[in-house]
Amino acid sequence: MSEVMAINKVLIFAAVGEAATGLALLIVPSLVGQLLLGAELTGIAVTVARVAGIALIALGVACWPGPPRVGMLIYSAAVTLYLAYVGFSGGLTGILLWPAVVLHGVLTALLIWASSNEKEFSNEVL
């Protein structure tokens, strides 16, 4: 087996592991906290754990063979939606919540725009 193939297999294994951990943090953050840290997550720690879960899923996607921009797009779009949900649900709202939602919304739009322009550019070159 070539060295590149071995590295790709390790990278895929790591990507799957991180994405699975992220999914668990997103769905059952308190259980993950209990299993990893020996303490149940409560309050603001649950929200932070879910954002970390979104980031780990995006990291897993970015490390999968293919363009890493997809991982950043997934992170930015998901964190925009989740933070907006947190704000609209009447729960936690700090002074930077809505600016963060707007910033991630703009980043998501820019990443989508960059992806569509890249496709148009590659079609013109071919």
N, C-alpha and C. Protein backbone atom coordinates (compact mmCIF):
# COMPACT_ATOMS: atom_id res chain seq x y z
N MET A 1 0.85 -1.17 0.00
CA MET A 1 0.00 0.00 0.00
C MET A 1 0.90 1.24 0.00
N SER A 2 0.58 2.20 -0.86
CA SER A 2 1.41 3.39 -0.93
C SER A 2 1.21 4.25 0.31
N GLU A 3 2.16 5.12 0.54
CA GLU A 3 2.11 6.01 1.70
C GLU A 3 0.92 6.95 1.62
N VAL A 4 0.61 7.44 0.41
CA VAL A 4 -0.53 8.35 0.23
C VAL A 4 -1.83 7.64 0.55
N MET A 5 -1.99 6.39 0.11
CA MET A 5 -3.21 5.64 0.41
C MET A 5 -3.34 5.41 1.91
N ALA A 6 -2.23 5.12 2.58
CA ALA A 6 -2.27 4.91 4.03
C ALA A 6 -2.68 6.19 4.75
N ILE A 7 -2.13 7.32 4.31
CA ILE A 7 -2.48 8.60 4.93
C ILE A 7 -3.96 8.90 4.69
N ASN A 8 -4.45 8.63 3.47
CA ASN A 8 -5.87 8.88 3.17
C ASN A 8 -6.78 8.01 4.04
N LYS A 9 -6.40 6.77 4.29
CA LYS A 9 -7.21 5.89 5.14
C LYS A 9 -7.25 6.41 6.58
N VAL A 10 -6.12 6.87 7.07
CA VAL A 10 -6.06 7.43 8.43
C VAL A 10 -6.91 8.70 8.49
N LEU A 11 -6.82 9.54 7.46
CA LEU A 11 -7.59 10.78 7.42
C LEU A 11 -9.09 10.48 7.39
N ILE A 12 -9.50 9.51 6.60
CA ILE A 12 -10.91 9.13 6.55
C ILE A 12 -11.37 8.59 7.90
N PHE A 13 -10.55 7.76 8.53
CA PHE A 13 -10.88 7.23 9.85
C PHE A 13 -11.06 8.36 10.86
N ALA A 14 -10.13 9.33 10.84
CA ALA A 14 -10.22 10.47 11.75
C ALA A 14 -11.47 11.30 11.44
N ALA A 15 -11.76 11.50 10.16
CA ALA A 15 -12.92 12.30 9.76
C ALA A 15 -14.22 11.67 10.26
N VAL A 16 -14.33 10.35 10.10
CA VAL A 16 -15.53 9.65 10.57
C VAL A 16 -15.65 9.75 12.09
N GLY A 17 -14.55 9.57 12.79
CA GLY A 17 -14.56 9.66 14.25
C GLY A 17 -14.98 11.03 14.75
N GLU A 18 -14.41 12.08 14.15
CA GLU A 18 -14.76 13.45 14.57
C GLU A 18 -16.20 13.78 14.24
N ALA A 19 -16.65 13.38 13.05
CA ALA A 19 -18.04 13.65 12.67
C ALA A 19 -19.01 12.90 13.58
N ALA A 20 -18.68 11.68 13.95
CA ALA A 20 -19.55 10.91 14.85
C ALA A 20 -19.60 11.55 16.23
N THR A 21 -18.46 12.01 16.72
CA THR A 21 -18.43 12.70 18.01
C THR A 21 -19.24 13.99 17.93
N GLY A 22 -19.10 14.71 16.82
CA GLY A 22 -19.87 15.94 16.63
C GLY A 22 -21.36 15.68 16.61
N LEU A 23 -21.77 14.63 15.93
CA LEU A 23 -23.18 14.27 15.88
C LEU A 23 -23.70 13.93 17.28
N ALA A 24 -22.90 13.20 18.04
CA ALA A 24 -23.29 12.87 19.42
C ALA A 24 -23.41 14.14 20.27
N LEU A 25 -22.47 15.07 20.11
CA LEU A 25 -22.55 16.33 20.86
C LEU A 25 -23.79 17.13 20.47
N LEU A 26 -24.16 17.05 19.22
CA LEU A 26 -25.33 17.77 18.74
C LEU A 26 -26.62 17.17 19.29
N ILE A 27 -26.69 15.85 19.34
CA ILE A 27 -27.93 15.16 19.73
C ILE A 27 -28.05 14.96 21.24
N VAL A 28 -26.98 14.48 21.87
CA VAL A 28 -27.01 14.18 23.32
C VAL A 28 -25.79 14.77 24.02
N PRO A 29 -25.70 16.11 24.08
CA PRO A 29 -24.50 16.73 24.65
C PRO A 29 -24.25 16.35 26.12
N SER A 30 -25.30 16.20 26.90
CA SER A 30 -25.10 15.86 28.32
C SER A 30 -24.50 14.47 28.48
N LEU A 31 -24.95 13.53 27.68
CA LEU A 31 -24.41 12.17 27.74
C LEU A 31 -22.93 12.16 27.35
N VAL A 32 -22.58 12.89 26.30
CA VAL A 32 -21.18 12.97 25.89
C VAL A 32 -20.34 13.59 27.00
N GLY A 33 -20.86 14.64 27.62
CA GLY A 33 -20.14 15.27 28.74
C GLY A 33 -19.94 14.29 29.88
N GLN A 34 -20.97 13.52 30.18
CA GLN A 34 -20.87 12.52 31.25
C GLN A 34 -19.83 11.46 30.91
N LEU A 35 -19.85 10.97 29.67
CA LEU A 35 -18.93 9.90 29.27
C LEU A 35 -17.48 10.40 29.15
N LEU A 36 -17.30 11.62 28.64
CA LEU A 36 -15.94 12.13 28.45
C LEU A 36 -15.36 12.77 29.70
N LEU A 37 -16.18 13.55 30.41
CA LEU A 37 -15.67 14.37 31.50
C LEU A 37 -16.15 13.93 32.88
N GLY A 38 -17.10 13.00 32.91
CA GLY A 38 -17.60 12.53 34.18
C GLY A 38 -18.59 13.48 34.83
N ALA A 39 -19.10 14.45 34.05
CA ALA A 39 -20.07 15.40 34.59
C ALA A 39 -21.09 15.71 33.50
N GLU A 40 -22.35 15.80 33.91
CA GLU A 40 -23.41 16.11 32.97
C GLU A 40 -23.34 17.59 32.60
N LEU A 41 -23.49 17.88 31.32
CA LEU A 41 -23.49 19.27 30.87
C LEU A 41 -24.86 19.87 31.11
N THR A 42 -24.89 21.10 31.61
CA THR A 42 -26.15 21.79 31.86
C THR A 42 -26.02 23.24 31.43
N GLY A 43 -27.14 23.90 31.30
CA GLY A 43 -27.16 25.33 31.01
C GLY A 43 -26.44 25.69 29.72
N ILE A 44 -25.63 26.72 29.81
CA ILE A 44 -24.92 27.24 28.66
C ILE A 44 -23.96 26.20 28.08
N ALA A 45 -23.48 25.28 28.88
CA ALA A 45 -22.55 24.25 28.40
C ALA A 45 -23.18 23.40 27.30
N VAL A 46 -24.50 23.20 27.35
CA VAL A 46 -25.19 22.41 26.32
C VAL A 46 -25.13 23.16 24.99
N THR A 47 -25.39 24.46 25.01
CA THR A 47 -25.34 25.26 23.78
C THR A 47 -23.93 25.27 23.20
N VAL A 48 -22.94 25.48 24.04
CA VAL A 48 -21.54 25.49 23.58
C VAL A 48 -21.15 24.11 23.04
N ALA A 49 -21.58 23.06 23.69
CA ALA A 49 -21.28 21.70 23.22
C ALA A 49 -21.90 21.45 21.85
N ARG A 50 -23.09 21.95 21.62
CA ARG A 50 -23.74 21.76 20.32
C ARG A 50 -23.01 22.53 19.22
N VAL A 51 -22.55 23.74 19.51
CA VAL A 51 -21.75 24.48 18.53
C VAL A 51 -20.45 23.72 18.25
N ALA A 52 -19.84 23.17 19.29
CA ALA A 52 -18.64 22.35 19.10
C ALA A 52 -18.96 21.11 18.26
N GLY A 53 -20.13 20.53 18.47
CA GLY A 53 -20.56 19.39 17.68
C GLY A 53 -20.69 19.74 16.21
N ILE A 54 -21.27 20.89 15.93
CA ILE A 54 -21.39 21.36 14.54
C ILE A 54 -19.99 21.52 13.94
N ALA A 55 -19.08 22.09 14.72
CA ALA A 55 -17.70 22.29 14.23
C ALA A 55 -17.01 20.95 13.96
N LEU A 56 -17.22 19.97 14.81
CA LEU A 56 -16.59 18.66 14.59
C LEU A 56 -17.16 17.96 13.35
N ILE A 57 -18.46 18.11 13.12
CA ILE A 57 -19.05 17.54 11.90
C ILE A 57 -18.42 18.20 10.67
N ALA A 58 -18.31 19.52 10.72
CA ALA A 58 -17.71 20.24 9.59
C ALA A 58 -16.24 19.86 9.41
N LEU A 59 -15.53 19.66 10.50
CA LEU A 59 -14.13 19.22 10.41
C LEU A 59 -14.05 17.86 9.75
N GLY A 60 -14.95 16.97 10.12
CA GLY A 60 -14.98 15.64 9.50
C GLY A 60 -15.23 15.73 8.00
N VAL A 61 -16.15 16.61 7.61
CA VAL A 61 -16.42 16.79 6.18
C VAL A 61 -15.22 17.40 5.48
N ALA A 62 -14.59 18.39 6.10
CA ALA A 62 -13.43 19.05 5.50
C ALA A 62 -12.26 18.10 5.33
N CYS A 63 -12.13 17.13 6.21
CA CYS A 63 -11.02 16.17 6.13
C CYS A 63 -11.31 15.01 5.20
N TRP A 64 -12.56 14.87 4.78
CA TRP A 64 -12.91 13.83 3.84
C TRP A 64 -12.32 14.21 2.49
N PRO A 65 -11.94 13.24 1.68
CA PRO A 65 -11.41 13.60 0.37
C PRO A 65 -12.40 14.46 -0.41
N GLY A 66 -11.95 15.57 -0.87
CA GLY A 66 -12.79 16.53 -1.58
C GLY A 66 -12.44 17.92 -1.14
N PRO A 67 -13.18 18.92 -1.62
CA PRO A 67 -12.83 20.31 -1.28
C PRO A 67 -13.13 20.64 0.18
N PRO A 68 -12.15 21.18 0.90
CA PRO A 68 -12.38 21.52 2.31
C PRO A 68 -13.40 22.65 2.49
N ARG A 69 -13.65 23.42 1.44
CA ARG A 69 -14.62 24.51 1.53
C ARG A 69 -16.00 23.99 1.92
N VAL A 70 -16.32 22.76 1.54
CA VAL A 70 -17.61 22.18 1.88
C VAL A 70 -17.78 22.09 3.40
N GLY A 71 -16.71 21.71 4.09
CA GLY A 71 -16.76 21.63 5.55
C GLY A 71 -17.04 22.99 6.18
N MET A 72 -16.39 24.03 5.66
CA MET A 72 -16.63 25.38 6.19
C MET A 72 -18.04 25.85 5.86
N LEU A 73 -18.54 25.48 4.68
CA LEU A 73 -19.91 25.84 4.31
C LEU A 73 -20.91 25.16 5.25
N ILE A 74 -20.71 23.89 5.52
CA ILE A 74 -21.60 23.17 6.44
C ILE A 74 -21.56 23.80 7.83
N TYR A 75 -20.35 24.10 8.32
CA TYR A 75 -20.23 24.72 9.64
C TYR A 75 -20.96 26.07 9.68
N SER A 76 -20.66 26.92 8.72
CA SER A 76 -21.22 28.26 8.73
C SER A 76 -22.74 28.25 8.63
N ALA A 77 -23.27 27.43 7.73
CA ALA A 77 -24.73 27.36 7.57
C ALA A 77 -25.39 26.77 8.83
N ALA A 78 -24.83 25.71 9.35
CA ALA A 78 -25.43 25.06 10.53
C ALA A 78 -25.36 25.94 11.76
N VAL A 79 -24.24 26.62 11.96
CA VAL A 79 -24.11 27.46 13.15
C VAL A 79 -25.01 28.70 13.01
N THR A 80 -25.21 29.19 11.78
CA THR A 80 -26.16 30.29 11.57
C THR A 80 -27.55 29.87 12.01
N LEU A 81 -27.98 28.72 11.54
CA LEU A 81 -29.32 28.23 11.89
C LEU A 81 -29.46 27.95 13.38
N TYR A 82 -28.44 27.32 13.96
CA TYR A 82 -28.54 26.96 15.38
C TYR A 82 -28.53 28.21 16.27
N LEU A 83 -27.64 29.15 16.00
CA LEU A 83 -27.60 30.36 16.83
C LEU A 83 -28.87 31.19 16.66
N ALA A 84 -29.42 31.22 15.44
CA ALA A 84 -30.69 31.93 15.24
C ALA A 84 -31.80 31.24 16.03
N TYR A 85 -31.81 29.91 16.01
CA TYR A 85 -32.79 29.16 16.79
C TYR A 85 -32.66 29.50 18.28
N VAL A 86 -31.42 29.52 18.78
CA VAL A 86 -31.19 29.85 20.19
C VAL A 86 -31.74 31.25 20.50
N GLY A 87 -31.49 32.20 19.62
CA GLY A 87 -31.97 33.56 19.83
C GLY A 87 -33.48 33.68 19.77
N PHE A 88 -34.09 33.03 18.78
CA PHE A 88 -35.54 33.12 18.62
C PHE A 88 -36.30 32.33 19.68
N SER A 89 -35.68 31.31 20.24
CA SER A 89 -36.38 30.50 21.23
C SER A 89 -36.52 31.23 22.56
N GLY A 90 -35.92 32.40 22.65
CA GLY A 90 -36.07 33.18 23.87
C GLY A 90 -35.13 32.75 24.98
N GLY A 91 -34.19 31.91 24.64
CA GLY A 91 -33.24 31.45 25.65
C GLY A 91 -32.11 32.44 25.84
N LEU A 92 -30.96 32.02 25.47
CA LEU A 92 -29.74 32.79 25.72
C LEU A 92 -29.49 33.80 24.61
N THR A 93 -29.31 35.06 24.99
CA THR A 93 -28.97 36.07 24.00
C THR A 93 -28.00 37.06 24.60
N GLY A 94 -26.78 37.01 24.10
CA GLY A 94 -25.78 37.98 24.51
C GLY A 94 -25.68 39.08 23.47
N ILE A 95 -24.87 40.07 23.72
CA ILE A 95 -24.76 41.23 22.84
C ILE A 95 -24.22 40.85 21.45
N LEU A 96 -23.44 39.79 21.35
CA LEU A 96 -22.85 39.40 20.07
C LEU A 96 -23.61 38.28 19.36
N LEU A 97 -24.73 37.81 19.92
CA LEU A 97 -25.45 36.70 19.28
C LEU A 97 -25.91 37.06 17.88
N TRP A 98 -26.65 38.15 17.73
CA TRP A 98 -27.20 38.49 16.42
C TRP A 98 -26.13 38.93 15.43
N PRO A 99 -25.10 39.68 15.86
CA PRO A 99 -24.01 39.94 14.92
C PRO A 99 -23.32 38.64 14.45
N ALA A 100 -23.21 37.65 15.32
CA ALA A 100 -22.63 36.36 14.92
C ALA A 100 -23.52 35.64 13.93
N VAL A 101 -24.84 35.70 14.14
CA VAL A 101 -25.78 35.08 13.20
C VAL A 101 -25.64 35.75 11.82
N VAL A 102 -25.60 37.08 11.81
CA VAL A 102 -25.48 37.81 10.55
C VAL A 102 -24.14 37.50 9.88
N LEU A 103 -23.05 37.51 10.64
CA LEU A 103 -21.72 37.23 10.09
C LEU A 103 -21.68 35.84 9.46
N HIS A 104 -22.19 34.85 10.16
CA HIS A 104 -22.18 33.49 9.61
C HIS A 104 -23.14 33.36 8.42
N GLY A 105 -24.23 34.09 8.44
CA GLY A 105 -25.12 34.10 7.28
C GLY A 105 -24.42 34.68 6.05
N VAL A 106 -23.68 35.77 6.24
CA VAL A 106 -22.93 36.38 5.14
C VAL A 106 -21.83 35.42 4.66
N LEU A 107 -21.11 34.80 5.60
CA LEU A 107 -20.08 33.84 5.22
C LEU A 107 -20.67 32.67 4.43
N THR A 108 -21.82 32.20 4.85
CA THR A 108 -22.49 31.11 4.14
C THR A 108 -22.81 31.53 2.70
N ALA A 109 -23.37 32.72 2.56
CA ALA A 109 -23.70 33.22 1.22
C ALA A 109 -22.44 33.37 0.37
N LEU A 110 -21.36 33.87 0.95
CA LEU A 110 -20.11 34.04 0.20
C LEU A 110 -19.53 32.69 -0.21
N LEU A 111 -19.61 31.71 0.66
CA LEU A 111 -19.09 30.38 0.33
C LEU A 111 -19.92 29.73 -0.78
N ILE A 112 -21.23 29.92 -0.74
CA ILE A 112 -22.08 29.40 -1.81
C ILE A 112 -21.74 30.12 -3.12
N TRP A 113 -21.59 31.43 -3.05
CA TRP A 113 -21.24 32.21 -4.24
C TRP A 113 -19.89 31.76 -4.81
N ALA A 114 -18.89 31.56 -3.94
CA ALA A 114 -17.57 31.12 -4.40
C ALA A 114 -17.65 29.74 -5.05
N SER A 115 -18.46 28.86 -4.48
CA SER A 115 -18.61 27.52 -5.06
C SER A 115 -19.25 27.59 -6.43
N SER A 116 -20.28 28.41 -6.59
CA SER A 116 -20.95 28.50 -7.89
C SER A 116 -20.04 29.17 -8.92
N ASN A 117 -19.27 30.16 -8.51
CA ASN A 117 -18.34 30.82 -9.44
C ASN A 117 -17.22 29.88 -9.86
N GLU A 118 -16.76 29.03 -8.96
CA GLU A 118 -15.71 28.07 -9.29
C GLU A 118 -16.21 27.10 -10.36
N LYS A 119 -17.45 26.64 -10.23
CA LYS A 119 -18.03 25.73 -11.22
C LYS A 119 -18.13 26.40 -12.57
N GLU A 120 -18.58 27.67 -12.60
CA GLU A 120 -18.68 28.40 -13.86
C GLU A 120 -17.31 28.58 -14.47
N PHE A 121 -16.31 28.93 -13.64
CA PHE A 121 -14.94 29.13 -14.12
C PHE A 121 -14.37 27.84 -14.70
N SER A 122 -14.57 26.72 -14.00
CA SER A 122 -14.02 25.45 -14.48
C SER A 122 -14.70 25.02 -15.77
N ASN A 123 -15.99 25.32 -15.95
CA ASN A 123 -16.68 25.00 -17.20
C ASN A 123 -16.16 25.86 -18.36
N GLU A 124 -15.82 27.14 -18.08
CA GLU A 124 -15.28 28.01 -19.11
C GLU A 124 -13.89 27.58 -19.54
N VAL A 125 -13.08 27.14 -18.59
CA VAL A 125 -11.71 26.73 -18.88
C VAL A 125 -11.70 25.47 -19.72
N LEU A 126 -12.63 24.55 -19.43
CA LEU A 126 -12.69 23.29 -20.20
C LEU A 126 -13.29 23.57 -21.53
